[in-house]
């Protein structure tokens, strides 16, 4: 900024900061996957470090074997959990959500016909 003329600096400060670019759905999904994998790797590394109190942690968790498998490199979710997630949040749920929204739209149209002041 020191190389810009004073007039240019004043003009740009009046405009304010530019808003950040919003991510597309695909970019958001991809960033979520990348950041999750990084965080899981950091967690594994911490759990394998000398500062980590394994006995304290193992005594507090419900599935010590599963935790040990995770620290050793196994997946952090089971196939059953993946399946349940897909059922709740996968493509099948999108179709259900669309049907619900279509039904809501139909209901709103009926309500508007009954009461013109409906703000919906």
PDB file of N, CA and C in Angstrom:
ATOM      1  N   UNK A   1       0.806  -1.203   0.000  1.00  0.00           N
ATOM      2  CA  UNK A   1       0.000   0.000   0.000  1.00  0.00           C
ATOM      3  C   UNK A   1       0.852   1.271   0.000  1.00  0.00           C
ATOM      4  N   UNK A   2       2.108   1.202   0.457  1.00  0.00           N
ATOM      5  CA  UNK A   2       2.934   2.399   0.553  1.00  0.00           C
ATOM      6  C   UNK A   2       3.262   2.964  -0.813  1.00  0.00           C
ATOM      7  N   UNK A   3       3.135   2.150  -1.863  1.00  0.00           N
ATOM      8  CA  UNK A   3       3.480   2.627  -3.200  1.00  0.00           C
ATOM      9  C   UNK A   3       2.298   3.321  -3.882  1.00  0.00           C
ATOM     10  N   UNK A   4       1.132   3.220  -3.330  1.00  0.00           N
ATOM     11  CA  UNK A   4      -0.045   3.842  -3.938  1.00  0.00           C
ATOM     12  C   UNK A   4      -0.102   5.313  -3.580  1.00  0.00           C
ATOM     13  N   UNK A   5      -0.719   6.103  -4.459  1.00  0.00           N
ATOM     14  CA  UNK A   5      -0.871   7.529  -4.178  1.00  0.00           C
ATOM     15  C   UNK A   5      -1.873   7.737  -3.052  1.00  0.00           C
ATOM     16  N   UNK A   6      -1.745   8.841  -2.294  1.00  0.00           N
ATOM     17  CA  UNK A   6      -2.669   9.083  -1.179  1.00  0.00           C
ATOM     18  C   UNK A   6      -4.126   9.134  -1.630  1.00  0.00           C
ATOM     19  N   UNK A   7      -4.393   9.696  -2.781  1.00  0.00           N
ATOM     20  CA  UNK A   7      -5.769   9.772  -3.276  1.00  0.00           C
ATOM     21  C   UNK A   7      -6.362   8.397  -3.514  1.00  0.00           C
ATOM     22  N   UNK A   8      -5.555   7.498  -4.017  1.00  0.00           N
ATOM     23  CA  UNK A   8      -6.029   6.138  -4.278  1.00  0.00           C
ATOM     24  C   UNK A   8      -6.320   5.396  -2.980  1.00  0.00           C
ATOM     25  N   UNK A   9      -5.482   5.601  -1.961  1.00  0.00           N
ATOM     26  CA  UNK A   9      -5.718   4.960  -0.674  1.00  0.00           C
ATOM     27  C   UNK A   9      -7.023   5.457  -0.048  1.00  0.00           C
ATOM     28  N   UNK A  10      -7.308   6.738  -0.147  1.00  0.00           N
ATOM     29  CA  UNK A  10      -8.546   7.295   0.400  1.00  0.00           C
ATOM     30  C   UNK A  10      -9.741   6.700  -0.330  1.00  0.00           C
ATOM     31  N   UNK A  11      -9.654   6.619  -1.637  1.00  0.00           N
ATOM     32  CA  UNK A  11     -10.761   6.080  -2.426  1.00  0.00           C
ATOM     33  C   UNK A  11     -11.038   4.623  -2.051  1.00  0.00           C
ATOM     34  N   UNK A  12     -10.001   3.823  -1.919  1.00  0.00           N
ATOM     35  CA  UNK A  12     -10.220   2.414  -1.599  1.00  0.00           C
ATOM     36  C   UNK A  12     -10.730   2.235  -0.175  1.00  0.00           C
ATOM     37  N   UNK A  13     -10.349   3.117   0.754  1.00  0.00           N
ATOM     38  CA  UNK A  13     -10.850   2.972   2.120  1.00  0.00           C
ATOM     39  C   UNK A  13     -12.319   3.344   2.215  1.00  0.00           C
ATOM     40  N   UNK A  14     -12.803   4.206   1.344  1.00  0.00           N
ATOM     41  CA  UNK A  14     -14.220   4.560   1.338  1.00  0.00           C
ATOM     42  C   UNK A  14     -15.077   3.387   0.880  1.00  0.00           C
ATOM     43  N   UNK A  15     -14.533   2.591  -0.026  1.00  0.00           N
ATOM     44  CA  UNK A  15     -15.291   1.454  -0.546  1.00  0.00           C
ATOM     45  C   UNK A  15     -15.433   0.353   0.492  1.00  0.00           C
ATOM     46  N   UNK A  16     -14.528   0.280   1.417  1.00  0.00           N
ATOM     47  CA  UNK A  16     -14.573  -0.751   2.437  1.00  0.00           C
ATOM     48  C   UNK A  16     -13.994  -2.057   1.932  1.00  0.00           C
ATOM     49  N   UNK A  17     -13.917  -3.017   2.837  1.00  0.00           N
ATOM     50  CA  UNK A  17     -13.348  -4.314   2.432  1.00  0.00           C
ATOM     51  C   UNK A  17     -14.299  -5.038   1.476  1.00  0.00           C
ATOM     52  N   UNK A  18     -13.702  -5.759   0.573  1.00  0.00           N
ATOM     53  CA  UNK A  18     -14.540  -6.530  -0.350  1.00  0.00           C
ATOM     54  C   UNK A  18     -15.021  -7.783   0.358  1.00  0.00           C
ATOM     55  N   UNK A  19     -16.287  -8.122   0.169  1.00  0.00           N
ATOM     56  CA  UNK A  19     -16.801  -9.324   0.839  1.00  0.00           C
ATOM     57  C   UNK A  19     -16.132 -10.578   0.283  1.00  0.00           C
ATOM     58  N   UNK A  20     -15.984 -11.589   1.117  1.00  0.00           N
ATOM     59  CA  UNK A  20     -15.342 -12.819   0.639  1.00  0.00           C
ATOM     60  C   UNK A  20     -16.223 -13.517  -0.392  1.00  0.00           C
ATOM     61  N   UNK A  21     -15.584 -14.219  -1.296  1.00  0.00           N
ATOM     62  CA  UNK A  21     -16.312 -14.975  -2.306  1.00  0.00           C
ATOM     63  C   UNK A  21     -16.964 -16.178  -1.648  1.00  0.00           C
ATOM     64  N   UNK A  22     -18.233 -16.395  -1.938  1.00  0.00           N
ATOM     65  CA  UNK A  22     -18.927 -17.549  -1.389  1.00  0.00           C
ATOM     66  C   UNK A  22     -18.542 -18.804  -2.153  1.00  0.00           C
ATOM     67  N   UNK A  23     -18.483 -19.916  -1.448  1.00  0.00           N
ATOM     68  CA  UNK A  23     -18.125 -21.186  -2.065  1.00  0.00           C
ATOM     69  C   UNK A  23     -19.338 -21.807  -2.748  1.00  0.00           C
ATOM     70  N   UNK A  24     -19.083 -22.515  -3.814  1.00  0.00           N
ATOM     71  CA  UNK A  24     -20.150 -23.304  -4.429  1.00  0.00           C
ATOM     72  C   UNK A  24     -20.386 -24.528  -3.544  1.00  0.00           C
ATOM     73  N   UNK A  25     -21.481 -25.236  -3.772  1.00  0.00           N
ATOM     74  CA  UNK A  25     -21.757 -26.439  -2.981  1.00  0.00           C
ATOM     75  C   UNK A  25     -20.624 -27.449  -3.101  1.00  0.00           C
ATOM     76  N   UNK A  26     -20.118 -27.628  -4.319  1.00  0.00           N
ATOM     77  CA  UNK A  26     -19.038 -28.590  -4.551  1.00  0.00           C
ATOM     78  C   UNK A  26     -17.759 -28.148  -3.826  1.00  0.00           C
ATOM     79  N   UNK A  27     -17.422 -26.859  -3.887  1.00  0.00           N
ATOM     80  CA  UNK A  27     -16.238 -26.352  -3.194  1.00  0.00           C
ATOM     81  C   UNK A  27     -16.393 -26.514  -1.678  1.00  0.00           C
ATOM     82  N   UNK A  28     -17.596 -26.258  -1.166  1.00  0.00           N
ATOM     83  CA  UNK A  28     -17.878 -26.404   0.264  1.00  0.00           C
ATOM     84  C   UNK A  28     -17.705 -27.858   0.701  1.00  0.00           C
ATOM     85  N   UNK A  29     -18.259 -28.797  -0.084  1.00  0.00           N
ATOM     86  CA  UNK A  29     -18.148 -30.220   0.222  1.00  0.00           C
ATOM     87  C   UNK A  29     -16.678 -30.653   0.195  1.00  0.00           C
ATOM     88  N   UNK A  30     -15.966 -30.228  -0.838  1.00  0.00           N
ATOM     89  CA  UNK A  30     -14.558 -30.594  -0.981  1.00  0.00           C
ATOM     90  C   UNK A  30     -13.723 -30.018   0.166  1.00  0.00           C
ATOM     91  N   UNK A  31     -13.953 -28.756   0.509  1.00  0.00           N
ATOM     92  CA  UNK A  31     -13.213 -28.144   1.608  1.00  0.00           C
ATOM     93  C   UNK A  31     -13.517 -28.872   2.920  1.00  0.00           C
ATOM     94  N   UNK A  32     -14.761 -29.267   3.112  1.00  0.00           N
ATOM     95  CA  UNK A  32     -15.124 -30.015   4.313  1.00  0.00           C
ATOM     96  C   UNK A  32     -14.381 -31.331   4.397  1.00  0.00           C
ATOM     97  N   UNK A  33     -14.293 -32.038   3.272  1.00  0.00           N
ATOM     98  CA  UNK A  33     -13.571 -33.316   3.257  1.00  0.00           C
ATOM     99  C   UNK A  33     -12.085 -33.116   3.544  1.00  0.00           C
ATOM    100  N   UNK A  34     -11.484 -32.129   2.900  1.00  0.00           N
ATOM    101  CA  UNK A  34     -10.049 -31.871   3.075  1.00  0.00           C
ATOM    102  C   UNK A  34      -9.750 -31.476   4.523  1.00  0.00           C
ATOM    103  N   UNK A  35     -10.526 -30.551   5.062  1.00  0.00           N
ATOM    104  CA  UNK A  35     -10.280 -30.084   6.428  1.00  0.00           C
ATOM    105  C   UNK A  35     -10.541 -31.185   7.458  1.00  0.00           C
ATOM    106  N   UNK A  36     -11.550 -32.023   7.206  1.00  0.00           N
ATOM    107  CA  UNK A  36     -11.825 -33.134   8.117  1.00  0.00           C
ATOM    108  C   UNK A  36     -10.657 -34.106   8.131  1.00  0.00           C
ATOM    109  N   UNK A  37     -10.130 -34.444   6.966  1.00  0.00           N
ATOM    110  CA  UNK A  37      -8.990 -35.363   6.902  1.00  0.00           C
ATOM    111  C   UNK A  37      -7.767 -34.773   7.602  1.00  0.00           C
ATOM    112  N   UNK A  38      -7.533 -33.462   7.431  1.00  0.00           N
ATOM    113  CA  UNK A  38      -6.406 -32.817   8.114  1.00  0.00           C
ATOM    114  C   UNK A  38      -6.591 -32.876   9.627  1.00  0.00           C
ATOM    115  N   UNK A  39      -7.809 -32.575  10.095  1.00  0.00           N
ATOM    116  CA  UNK A  39      -8.074 -32.581  11.537  1.00  0.00           C
ATOM    117  C   UNK A  39      -7.952 -33.987  12.115  1.00  0.00           C
ATOM    118  N   UNK A  40      -8.421 -34.992  11.374  1.00  0.00           N
ATOM    119  CA  UNK A  40      -8.287 -36.371  11.848  1.00  0.00           C
ATOM    120  C   UNK A  40      -6.814 -36.780  11.933  1.00  0.00           C
ATOM    121  N   UNK A  41      -6.017 -36.361  10.963  1.00  0.00           N
ATOM    122  CA  UNK A  41      -4.580 -36.666  10.987  1.00  0.00           C
ATOM    123  C   UNK A  41      -3.912 -35.984  12.181  1.00  0.00           C
ATOM    124  N   UNK A  42      -4.283 -34.728  12.450  1.00  0.00           N
ATOM    125  CA  UNK A  42      -3.730 -34.026  13.613  1.00  0.00           C
ATOM    126  C   UNK A  42      -4.129 -34.727  14.907  1.00  0.00           C
ATOM    127  N   UNK A  43      -5.369 -35.175  14.993  1.00  0.00           N
ATOM    128  CA  UNK A  43      -5.830 -35.880  16.183  1.00  0.00           C
ATOM    129  C   UNK A  43      -5.065 -37.182  16.376  1.00  0.00           C
ATOM    130  N   UNK A  44      -4.873 -37.942  15.304  1.00  0.00           N
ATOM    131  CA  UNK A  44      -4.091 -39.182  15.396  1.00  0.00           C
ATOM    132  C   UNK A  44      -2.674 -38.891  15.885  1.00  0.00           C
ATOM    133  N   UNK A  45      -2.064 -37.856  15.294  1.00  0.00           N
ATOM    134  CA  UNK A  45      -0.691 -37.506  15.696  1.00  0.00           C
ATOM    135  C   UNK A  45      -0.627 -37.129  17.169  1.00  0.00           C
ATOM    136  N   UNK A  46      -1.601 -36.347  17.635  1.00  0.00           N
ATOM    137  CA  UNK A  46      -1.614 -35.953  19.038  1.00  0.00           C
ATOM    138  C   UNK A  46      -1.792 -37.174  19.934  1.00  0.00           C
ATOM    139  N   UNK A  47      -2.696 -38.071  19.532  1.00  0.00           N
ATOM    140  CA  UNK A  47      -2.956 -39.271  20.342  1.00  0.00           C
ATOM    141  C   UNK A  47      -1.751 -40.199  20.404  1.00  0.00           C
ATOM    142  N   UNK A  48      -0.836 -40.083  19.461  1.00  0.00           N
ATOM    143  CA  UNK A  48       0.372 -40.904  19.459  1.00  0.00           C
ATOM    144  C   UNK A  48       1.555 -40.195  20.109  1.00  0.00           C
ATOM    145  N   UNK A  49       1.355 -38.955  20.531  1.00  0.00           N
ATOM    146  CA  UNK A  49       2.452 -38.180  21.115  1.00  0.00           C
ATOM    147  C   UNK A  49       2.628 -38.513  22.597  1.00  0.00           C
ATOM    148  N   UNK A  50       3.794 -38.208  23.139  1.00  0.00           N
ATOM    149  CA  UNK A  50       4.056 -38.489  24.561  1.00  0.00           C
ATOM    150  C   UNK A  50       3.184 -37.649  25.508  1.00  0.00           C
ATOM    151  N   UNK A  51       2.700 -36.477  25.048  1.00  0.00           N
ATOM    152  CA  UNK A  51       1.884 -35.628  25.923  1.00  0.00           C
ATOM    153  C   UNK A  51       0.484 -36.195  26.141  1.00  0.00           C
ATOM    154  N   UNK A  52       0.073 -37.117  25.304  1.00  0.00           N
ATOM    155  CA  UNK A  52      -1.280 -37.657  25.359  1.00  0.00           C
ATOM    156  C   UNK A  52      -1.402 -38.697  26.468  1.00  0.00           C
ATOM    157  N   UNK A  53      -2.428 -38.566  27.299  1.00  0.00           N
ATOM    158  CA  UNK A  53      -2.662 -39.511  28.394  1.00  0.00           C
ATOM    159  C   UNK A  53      -3.644 -40.581  27.910  1.00  0.00           C
ATOM    160  N   UNK A  54      -3.090 -41.661  27.367  1.00  0.00           N
ATOM    161  CA  UNK A  54      -3.924 -42.714  26.785  1.00  0.00           C
ATOM    162  C   UNK A  54      -4.817 -43.375  27.830  1.00  0.00           C
ATOM    163  N   UNK A  55      -4.285 -43.661  29.004  1.00  0.00           N
ATOM    164  CA  UNK A  55      -5.080 -44.359  30.020  1.00  0.00           C
ATOM    165  C   UNK A  55      -6.256 -43.510  30.479  1.00  0.00           C
ATOM    166  N   UNK A  56      -6.049 -42.238  30.650  1.00  0.00           N
ATOM    167  CA  UNK A  56      -7.142 -41.357  31.060  1.00  0.00           C
ATOM    168  C   UNK A  56      -8.228 -41.322  29.995  1.00  0.00           C
ATOM    169  N   UNK A  57      -7.826 -41.224  28.768  1.00  0.00           N
ATOM    170  CA  UNK A  57      -8.788 -41.174  27.675  1.00  0.00           C
ATOM    171  C   UNK A  57      -9.535 -42.483  27.536  1.00  0.00           C
ATOM    172  N   UNK A  58      -8.813 -43.579  27.528  1.00  0.00           N
ATOM    173  CA  UNK A  58      -9.436 -44.896  27.360  1.00  0.00           C
ATOM    174  C   UNK A  58     -10.427 -45.180  28.490  1.00  0.00           C
ATOM    175  N   UNK A  59     -10.126 -44.712  29.689  1.00  0.00           N
ATOM    176  CA  UNK A  59     -11.037 -44.951  30.816  1.00  0.00           C
ATOM    177  C   UNK A  59     -12.335 -44.154  30.693  1.00  0.00           C
ATOM    178  N   UNK A  60     -12.354 -43.152  29.828  1.00  0.00           N
ATOM    179  CA  UNK A  60     -13.536 -42.293  29.690  1.00  0.00           C
ATOM    180  C   UNK A  60     -14.396 -42.605  28.468  1.00  0.00           C
ATOM    181  N   UNK A  61     -13.895 -43.378  27.531  1.00  0.00           N
ATOM    182  CA  UNK A  61     -14.649 -43.600  26.294  1.00  0.00           C
ATOM    183  C   UNK A  61     -15.366 -44.944  26.311  1.00  0.00           C
ATOM    184  N   UNK A  62     -16.419 -45.031  25.500  1.00  0.00           N
ATOM    185  CA  UNK A  62     -17.245 -46.240  25.468  1.00  0.00           C
ATOM    186  C   UNK A  62     -16.609 -47.366  24.665  1.00  0.00           C
ATOM    187  N   UNK A  63     -15.862 -47.038  23.633  1.00  0.00           N
ATOM    188  CA  UNK A  63     -15.291 -48.065  22.759  1.00  0.00           C
ATOM    189  C   UNK A  63     -13.781 -47.912  22.649  1.00  0.00           C
ATOM    190  N   UNK A  64     -13.040 -48.382  23.652  1.00  0.00           N
ATOM    191  CA  UNK A  64     -11.583 -48.231  23.609  1.00  0.00           C
ATOM    192  C   UNK A  64     -10.940 -48.941  22.424  1.00  0.00           C
ATOM    193  N   UNK A  65     -11.469 -50.100  22.041  1.00  0.00           N
ATOM    194  CA  UNK A  65     -10.907 -50.833  20.888  1.00  0.00           C
ATOM    195  C   UNK A  65     -11.062 -50.014  19.610  1.00  0.00           C
ATOM    196  N   UNK A  66     -12.238 -49.439  19.430  1.00  0.00           N
ATOM    197  CA  UNK A  66     -12.493 -48.624  18.235  1.00  0.00           C
ATOM    198  C   UNK A  66     -11.571 -47.407  18.231  1.00  0.00           C
ATOM    199  N   UNK A  67     -11.374 -46.798  19.392  1.00  0.00           N
ATOM    200  CA  UNK A  67     -10.472 -45.653  19.494  1.00  0.00           C
ATOM    201  C   UNK A  67      -9.046 -46.054  19.146  1.00  0.00           C
ATOM    202  N   UNK A  68      -8.602 -47.181  19.668  1.00  0.00           N
ATOM    203  CA  UNK A  68      -7.248 -47.662  19.372  1.00  0.00           C
ATOM    204  C   UNK A  68      -7.096 -47.942  17.880  1.00  0.00           C
ATOM    205  N   UNK A  69      -8.134 -48.518  17.273  1.00  0.00           N
ATOM    206  CA  UNK A  69      -8.091 -48.763  15.825  1.00  0.00           C
ATOM    207  C   UNK A  69      -7.972 -47.447  15.062  1.00  0.00           C
ATOM    208  N   UNK A  70      -8.731 -46.423  15.496  1.00  0.00           N
ATOM    209  CA  UNK A  70      -8.660 -45.110  14.845  1.00  0.00           C
ATOM    210  C   UNK A  70      -7.254 -44.533  14.944  1.00  0.00           C
ATOM    211  N   UNK A  71      -6.687 -44.570  16.143  1.00  0.00           N
ATOM    212  CA  UNK A  71      -5.340 -44.026  16.335  1.00  0.00           C
ATOM    213  C   UNK A  71      -4.346 -44.785  15.467  1.00  0.00           C
ATOM    214  N   UNK A  72      -4.599 -46.071  15.284  1.00  0.00           N
ATOM    215  CA  UNK A  72      -3.723 -46.886  14.440  1.00  0.00           C
ATOM    216  C   UNK A  72      -3.934 -46.669  12.947  1.00  0.00           C
ATOM    217  N   UNK A  73      -4.924 -45.868  12.563  1.00  0.00           N
ATOM    218  CA  UNK A  73      -5.120 -45.542  11.150  1.00  0.00           C
ATOM    219  C   UNK A  73      -6.438 -45.998  10.562  1.00  0.00           C
ATOM    220  N   UNK A  74      -7.273 -46.682  11.354  1.00  0.00           N
ATOM    221  CA  UNK A  74      -8.560 -47.149  10.831  1.00  0.00           C
ATOM    222  C   UNK A  74      -9.501 -45.965  10.618  1.00  0.00           C
ATOM    223  N   UNK A  75     -10.547 -46.209   9.853  1.00  0.00           N
ATOM    224  CA  UNK A  75     -11.545 -45.185   9.559  1.00  0.00           C
ATOM    225  C   UNK A  75     -12.227 -44.743  10.853  1.00  0.00           C
ATOM    226  N   UNK A  76     -12.627 -43.483  10.915  1.00  0.00           N
ATOM    227  CA  UNK A  76     -13.258 -42.943  12.115  1.00  0.00           C
ATOM    228  C   UNK A  76     -14.758 -43.220  12.181  1.00  0.00           C
ATOM    229  N   UNK A  77     -15.334 -43.752  11.114  1.00  0.00           N
ATOM    230  CA  UNK A  77     -16.755 -44.111  11.103  1.00  0.00           C
ATOM    231  C   UNK A  77     -16.915 -45.548  10.632  1.00  0.00           C
ATOM    232  N   UNK A  78     -17.973 -46.204  11.106  1.00  0.00           N
ATOM    233  CA  UNK A  78     -18.243 -47.585  10.705  1.00  0.00           C
ATOM    234  C   UNK A  78     -19.103 -47.588   9.436  1.00  0.00           C
ATOM    235  N   UNK A  79     -19.134 -48.701   8.714  1.00  0.00           N
ATOM    236  CA  UNK A  79     -20.007 -48.781   7.540  1.00  0.00           C
ATOM    237  C   UNK A  79     -21.482 -48.522   7.897  1.00  0.00           C
ATOM    238  N   UNK A  80     -21.918 -48.974   9.071  1.00  0.00           N
ATOM    239  CA  UNK A  80     -23.300 -48.707   9.495  1.00  0.00           C
ATOM    240  C   UNK A  80     -23.547 -47.220   9.678  1.00  0.00           C
ATOM    241  N   UNK A  81     -22.568 -46.498  10.239  1.00  0.00           N
ATOM    242  CA  UNK A  81     -22.709 -45.055  10.420  1.00  0.00           C
ATOM    243  C   UNK A  81     -22.745 -44.342   9.075  1.00  0.00           C
ATOM    244  N   UNK A  82     -21.938 -44.799   8.133  1.00  0.00           N
ATOM    245  CA  UNK A  82     -21.942 -44.214   6.794  1.00  0.00           C
ATOM    246  C   UNK A  82     -23.306 -44.423   6.149  1.00  0.00           C
ATOM    247  N   UNK A  83     -23.836 -45.626   6.260  1.00  0.00           N
ATOM    248  CA  UNK A  83     -25.141 -45.938   5.687  1.00  0.00           C
ATOM    249  C   UNK A  83     -26.245 -45.081   6.310  1.00  0.00           C
ATOM    250  N   UNK A  84     -26.230 -44.967   7.637  1.00  0.00           N
ATOM    251  CA  UNK A  84     -27.233 -44.148   8.326  1.00  0.00           C
ATOM    252  C   UNK A  84     -27.125 -42.683   7.897  1.00  0.00           C
ATOM    253  N   UNK A  85     -25.893 -42.190   7.733  1.00  0.00           N
ATOM    254  CA  UNK A  85     -25.691 -40.814   7.294  1.00  0.00           C
ATOM    255  C   UNK A  85     -26.225 -40.617   5.881  1.00  0.00           C
ATOM    256  N   UNK A  86     -25.939 -41.563   5.000  1.00  0.00           N
ATOM    257  CA  UNK A  86     -26.426 -41.462   3.625  1.00  0.00           C
ATOM    258  C   UNK A  86     -27.953 -41.459   3.573  1.00  0.00           C
ATOM    259  N   UNK A  87     -28.567 -42.272   4.414  1.00  0.00           N
ATOM    260  CA  UNK A  87     -30.029 -42.310   4.447  1.00  0.00           C
ATOM    261  C   UNK A  87     -30.594 -40.980   4.935  1.00  0.00           C
ATOM    262  N   UNK A  88     -29.942 -40.394   5.923  1.00  0.00           N
ATOM    263  CA  UNK A  88     -30.466 -39.156   6.494  1.00  0.00           C
ATOM    264  C   UNK A  88     -30.098 -37.926   5.675  1.00  0.00           C
ATOM    265  N   UNK A  89     -28.874 -37.887   5.145  1.00  0.00           N
ATOM    266  CA  UNK A  89     -28.389 -36.680   4.497  1.00  0.00           C
ATOM    267  C   UNK A  89     -27.999 -36.858   3.036  1.00  0.00           C
ATOM    268  N   UNK A  90     -28.085 -38.081   2.511  1.00  0.00           N
ATOM    269  CA  UNK A  90     -27.647 -38.346   1.141  1.00  0.00           C
ATOM    270  C   UNK A  90     -28.659 -37.892   0.102  1.00  0.00           C
ATOM    271  N   UNK A  91     -28.476 -38.385  -1.105  1.00  0.00           N
ATOM    272  CA  UNK A  91     -29.338 -37.998  -2.221  1.00  0.00           C
ATOM    273  C   UNK A  91     -30.791 -38.375  -1.988  1.00  0.00           C
ATOM    274  N   UNK A  92     -31.033 -39.485  -1.328  1.00  0.00           N
ATOM    275  CA  UNK A  92     -32.411 -39.902  -1.061  1.00  0.00           C
ATOM    276  C   UNK A  92     -33.127 -38.872  -0.197  1.00  0.00           C
ATOM    277  N   UNK A  93     -32.409 -38.290   0.769  1.00  0.00           N
ATOM    278  CA  UNK A  93     -33.038 -37.296   1.637  1.00  0.00           C
ATOM    279  C   UNK A  93     -33.321 -36.008   0.883  1.00  0.00           C
ATOM    280  N   UNK A  94     -32.509 -35.699  -0.147  1.00  0.00           N
ATOM    281  CA  UNK A  94     -32.763 -34.500  -0.932  1.00  0.00           C
ATOM    282  C   UNK A  94     -34.103 -34.593  -1.652  1.00  0.00           C
ATOM    283  N   UNK A  95     -34.409 -35.758  -2.195  1.00  0.00           N
ATOM    284  CA  UNK A  95     -35.692 -35.943  -2.868  1.00  0.00           C
ATOM    285  C   UNK A  95     -36.831 -35.793  -1.875  1.00  0.00           C
ATOM    286  N   UNK A  96     -36.664 -36.321  -0.673  1.00  0.00           N
ATOM    287  CA  UNK A  96     -37.685 -36.197   0.365  1.00  0.00           C
ATOM    288  C   UNK A  96     -37.856 -34.733   0.749  1.00  0.00           C
ATOM    289  N   UNK A  97     -36.745 -34.010   0.912  1.00  0.00           N
ATOM    290  CA  UNK A  97     -36.819 -32.590   1.245  1.00  0.00           C
ATOM    291  C   UNK A  97     -37.550 -31.811   0.162  1.00  0.00           C
ATOM    292  N   UNK A  98     -37.260 -32.112  -1.097  1.00  0.00           N
ATOM    293  CA  UNK A  98     -37.926 -31.421  -2.195  1.00  0.00           C
ATOM    294  C   UNK A  98     -39.421 -31.677  -2.148  1.00  0.00           C
ATOM    295  N   UNK A  99     -39.812 -32.913  -1.865  1.00  0.00           N
ATOM    296  CA  UNK A  99     -41.235 -33.224  -1.762  1.00  0.00           C
ATOM    297  C   UNK A  99     -41.866 -32.451  -0.615  1.00  0.00           C
ATOM    298  N   UNK A 100     -41.174 -32.347   0.514  1.00  0.00           N
ATOM    299  CA  UNK A 100     -41.708 -31.603   1.654  1.00  0.00           C
ATOM    300  C   UNK A 100     -41.887 -30.131   1.310  1.00  0.00           C
ATOM    301  N   UNK A 101     -40.879 -29.550   0.622  1.00  0.00           N
ATOM    302  CA  UNK A 101     -40.980 -28.149   0.257  1.00  0.00           C
ATOM    303  C   UNK A 101     -42.102 -27.929  -0.754  1.00  0.00           C
ATOM    304  N   UNK A 102     -42.280 -28.861  -1.686  1.00  0.00           N
ATOM    305  CA  UNK A 102     -43.372 -28.738  -2.647  1.00  0.00           C
ATOM    306  C   UNK A 102     -44.707 -28.785  -1.927  1.00  0.00           C
ATOM    307  N   UNK A 103     -44.855 -29.678  -0.936  1.00  0.00           N
ATOM    308  CA  UNK A 103     -46.086 -29.761  -0.167  1.00  0.00           C
ATOM    309  C   UNK A 103     -46.295 -28.473   0.613  1.00  0.00           C
ATOM    310  N   UNK A 104     -45.222 -27.915   1.202  1.00  0.00           N
ATOM    311  CA  UNK A 104     -45.332 -26.652   1.930  1.00  0.00           C
ATOM    312  C   UNK A 104     -45.786 -25.535   1.003  1.00  0.00           C
ATOM    313  N   UNK A 105     -45.241 -25.497  -0.226  1.00  0.00           N
ATOM    314  CA  UNK A 105     -45.642 -24.478  -1.190  1.00  0.00           C
ATOM    315  C   UNK A 105     -47.120 -24.596  -1.518  1.00  0.00           C
ATOM    316  N   UNK A 106     -47.603 -25.820  -1.697  1.00  0.00           N
ATOM    317  CA  UNK A 106     -49.022 -26.031  -1.987  1.00  0.00           C
ATOM    318  C   UNK A 106     -49.879 -25.566  -0.822  1.00  0.00           C
ATOM    319  N   UNK A 107     -49.456 -25.886   0.399  1.00  0.00           N
ATOM    320  CA  UNK A 107     -50.184 -25.463   1.588  1.00  0.00           C
ATOM    321  C   UNK A 107     -50.238 -23.947   1.676  1.00  0.00           C
ATOM    322  N   UNK A 108     -49.105 -23.277   1.366  1.00  0.00           N
ATOM    323  CA  UNK A 108     -49.054 -21.830   1.432  1.00  0.00           C
ATOM    324  C   UNK A 108     -49.999 -21.211   0.421  1.00  0.00           C
ATOM    325  N   UNK A 109     -50.067 -21.786  -0.792  1.00  0.00           N
ATOM    326  CA  UNK A 109     -50.975 -21.261  -1.805  1.00  0.00           C
ATOM    327  C   UNK A 109     -52.419 -21.354  -1.332  1.00  0.00           C
ATOM    328  N   UNK A 110     -52.775 -22.472  -0.702  1.00  0.00           N
ATOM    329  CA  UNK A 110     -54.126 -22.638  -0.189  1.00  0.00           C
ATOM    330  C   UNK A 110     -54.406 -21.621   0.902  1.00  0.00           C
ATOM    331  N   UNK A 111     -53.435 -21.399   1.804  1.00  0.00           N
ATOM    332  CA  UNK A 111     -53.616 -20.429   2.875  1.00  0.00           C
ATOM    333  C   UNK A 111     -53.753 -19.020   2.305  1.00  0.00           C
ATOM    334  N   UNK A 112     -52.986 -18.687   1.247  1.00  0.00           N
ATOM    335  CA  UNK A 112     -53.095 -17.374   0.653  1.00  0.00           C
ATOM    336  C   UNK A 112     -54.475 -17.161   0.059  1.00  0.00           C
ATOM    337  N   UNK A 113     -55.041 -18.206  -0.505  1.00  0.00           N
ATOM    338  CA  UNK A 113     -56.370 -18.085  -1.057  1.00  0.00           C
ATOM    339  C   UNK A 113     -57.401 -17.856   0.036  1.00  0.00           C
ATOM    340  N   UNK A 114     -57.194 -18.433   1.191  1.00  0.00           N
ATOM    341  CA  UNK A 114     -58.130 -18.280   2.293  1.00  0.00           C
ATOM    342  C   UNK A 114     -57.990 -16.906   2.932  1.00  0.00           C
ATOM    343  N   UNK A 115     -56.777 -16.451   3.101  1.00  0.00           N
ATOM    344  CA  UNK A 115     -56.543 -15.172   3.782  1.00  0.00           C
ATOM    345  C   UNK A 115     -55.543 -14.360   2.970  1.00  0.00           C
ATOM    346  N   UNK A 116     -55.987 -13.268   2.384  1.00  0.00           N
ATOM    347  CA  UNK A 116     -55.126 -12.458   1.526  1.00  0.00           C
ATOM    348  C   UNK A 116     -53.995 -11.782   2.279  1.00  0.00           C
ATOM    349  N   UNK A 117     -54.097 -11.678   3.591  1.00  0.00           N
ATOM    350  CA  UNK A 117     -53.064 -10.998   4.375  1.00  0.00           C
ATOM    351  C   UNK A 117     -51.969 -11.953   4.835  1.00  0.00           C
ATOM    352  N   UNK A 118     -51.980 -13.198   4.380  1.00  0.00           N
ATOM    353  CA  UNK A 118     -50.957 -14.176   4.775  1.00  0.00           C
ATOM    354  C   UNK A 118     -49.596 -13.676   4.337  1.00  0.00           C
ATOM    355  N   UNK A 119     -48.630 -13.622   5.263  1.00  0.00           N
ATOM    356  CA  UNK A 119     -47.300 -13.108   4.945  1.00  0.00           C
ATOM    357  C   UNK A 119     -46.327 -14.210   4.600  1.00  0.00           C
ATOM    358  N   UNK A 120     -46.689 -15.492   4.811  1.00  0.00           N
ATOM    359  CA  UNK A 120     -45.961 -16.687   4.467  1.00  0.00           C
ATOM    360  C   UNK A 120     -44.543 -16.668   4.619  1.00  0.00           C
TER     361      UNK A 120
END
